[in-house]
Amino acid sequence: MDELPSGWTADPQEEAKRVEQEEQKKTILKQILTTEALERLGRVKLVRQEKAQVLEMKLIQMALKGELQKQVTEDQLIFMLEKSTNEQANKKITYKRRGVVDDDDDDDNDDDLF
C-alpha cells in the first residue's frame, strides 16, 4: 500500500480529530498571546516549524497550569525563543576516544632521533 505524506491519514475520523485539536490549539494561542506575539509566532513557524511547535506546546502547558497571569507579549515571546536557542547551543557532545595501540610508539626513548 502506498504511504501517505506526513500528517495525512486514511481514516477520516482521525483527520477530523486532528483538525479539531489544531483548532483548539489556535483558540488557546489567540487567548494567551497578544496580536503581535501571535504574528511573530506565525513568522517563526514559517521558518522553523519544529521550534514553533515546541514553543506552542510550552505556552499551552503554561496556560493550562495557570502560570500565565496575562497575555504573552512579543518581547516575552522573543525572550522565550532566545532562551530555547541558547539552551540548545549549550548542549555539548563529548567524544571519548579509546587509546589506539601502536607498536611504533612503544619506544619512548627519543635518543635515537638525534
Protein backbone atom coordinates (compact mmCIF):
# COMPACT_ATOMS: atom_id res chain seq x y z
CA MET A 1 0.00 0.00 0.00
CA ASP A 2 1.27 3.50 -0.80
CA GLU A 3 2.46 5.56 2.15
CA LEU A 4 0.67 8.83 2.81
CA PRO A 5 2.59 12.08 3.32
CA SER A 6 3.31 13.16 6.88
CA GLY A 7 0.20 14.46 8.63
CA TRP A 8 -2.24 12.72 6.29
CA THR A 9 -4.38 9.84 7.40
CA ALA A 10 -6.54 7.37 5.56
CA ASP A 11 -9.16 7.48 8.31
CA PRO A 12 -11.50 10.49 8.01
CA GLN A 13 -12.27 10.32 11.75
CA GLU A 14 -8.59 10.66 12.63
CA GLU A 15 -8.28 13.58 10.24
CA ALA A 16 -11.31 15.30 11.79
CA LYS A 17 -9.87 14.76 15.26
CA ARG A 18 -6.52 16.21 14.20
CA VAL A 19 -8.21 19.26 12.66
CA GLU A 20 -10.26 19.78 15.83
CA GLN A 21 -7.13 19.60 18.00
CA GLU A 22 -5.41 22.11 15.73
CA GLU A 23 -8.38 24.49 16.05
CA GLN A 24 -8.34 24.15 19.85
CA LYS A 25 -4.63 24.94 19.86
CA LYS A 26 -5.19 28.04 17.70
CA THR A 27 -8.00 29.21 20.00
CA ILE A 28 -5.85 28.85 23.12
CA LEU A 29 -2.92 30.63 21.48
CA LYS A 30 -5.18 33.53 20.45
CA GLN A 31 -6.24 33.87 24.08
CA ILE A 32 -2.77 33.75 25.63
CA LEU A 33 -0.76 35.74 23.05
CA THR A 34 -1.02 39.38 22.06
CA THR A 35 -1.69 40.07 18.38
CA GLU A 36 1.96 40.98 17.79
CA ALA A 37 3.19 37.84 19.55
CA LEU A 38 0.80 35.67 17.55
CA GLU A 39 2.08 37.23 14.31
CA ARG A 40 5.69 36.67 15.40
CA LEU A 41 4.95 33.03 16.22
CA GLY A 42 3.41 32.64 12.77
CA ARG A 43 6.57 34.01 11.13
CA VAL A 44 8.75 31.70 13.22
CA LYS A 45 6.54 28.79 12.20
CA LEU A 46 7.21 29.54 8.53
CA VAL A 47 10.97 29.30 9.05
CA ARG A 48 11.37 26.87 11.95
CA GLN A 49 8.27 24.73 12.21
CA GLU A 50 9.61 22.35 14.86
CA LYS A 51 10.80 25.17 17.11
CA ALA A 52 7.43 26.92 16.80
CA GLN A 53 5.53 23.73 17.63
CA VAL A 54 7.66 23.15 20.74
CA LEU A 55 7.09 26.73 21.84
CA GLU A 56 3.35 26.47 21.18
CA MET A 57 3.09 23.38 23.35
CA LYS A 58 5.14 25.01 26.10
CA LEU A 59 2.90 28.10 26.06
CA ILE A 60 -0.27 25.98 26.15
CA GLN A 61 1.08 23.91 29.05
CA MET A 62 1.97 27.10 30.94
CA ALA A 63 -1.54 28.44 30.34
CA LEU A 64 -3.20 25.21 31.49
CA LYS A 65 -1.08 25.16 34.65
CA GLY A 66 -2.05 28.75 35.39
CA GLU A 67 1.49 30.06 35.07
CA LEU A 68 0.46 32.89 32.74
CA GLN A 69 -1.13 35.82 34.55
CA LYS A 70 -1.67 37.92 31.42
CA GLN A 71 -1.18 37.67 27.67
CA VAL A 72 2.34 36.95 26.45
CA THR A 73 3.79 39.93 24.59
CA GLU A 74 6.03 39.85 21.54
CA ASP A 75 9.06 40.76 23.68
CA GLN A 76 8.35 37.90 26.07
CA LEU A 77 7.94 35.52 23.12
CA ILE A 78 11.28 36.68 21.67
CA PHE A 79 12.90 36.11 25.06
CA MET A 80 11.48 32.57 25.19
CA LEU A 81 12.76 31.87 21.68
CA GLU A 82 16.24 33.17 22.53
CA LYS A 83 16.28 31.15 25.75
CA SER A 84 15.42 27.93 23.93
CA THR A 85 18.06 28.68 21.29
CA ASN A 86 20.70 29.28 23.96
CA GLU A 87 19.75 26.06 25.76
CA GLN A 88 20.20 24.11 22.55
CA ALA A 89 23.54 25.82 21.85
CA ASN A 90 24.84 24.96 25.32
CA LYS A 91 24.34 21.25 24.82
CA LYS A 92 27.70 19.70 24.16
CA ILE A 93 28.56 16.34 22.79
CA THR A 94 31.77 14.87 24.08
CA TYR A 95 33.53 12.01 22.46
CA LYS A 96 35.59 9.57 24.43
CA ARG A 97 38.17 8.08 22.19
CA ARG A 98 39.82 4.85 23.03
CA GLY A 99 43.55 4.76 23.04
CA VAL A 100 44.91 3.08 19.95
CA VAL A 101 47.73 0.66 20.46
CA ASP A 102 50.53 1.48 18.05
CA ASP A 103 53.64 -0.67 18.08
CA ASP A 104 55.84 2.22 16.91
CA ASP A 105 55.00 4.31 19.97
CA ASP A 106 56.18 1.65 22.41
CA ASP A 107 59.68 3.05 22.19
CA ASP A 108 59.56 6.11 24.44
CA ASN A 109 63.29 6.64 24.19
CA ASP A 110 63.87 9.58 21.85
CA ASP A 111 67.69 9.34 21.99
CA ASP A 112 67.76 7.71 18.59
CA LEU A 113 66.27 10.81 16.94
CA PHE A 114 69.47 12.88 17.27
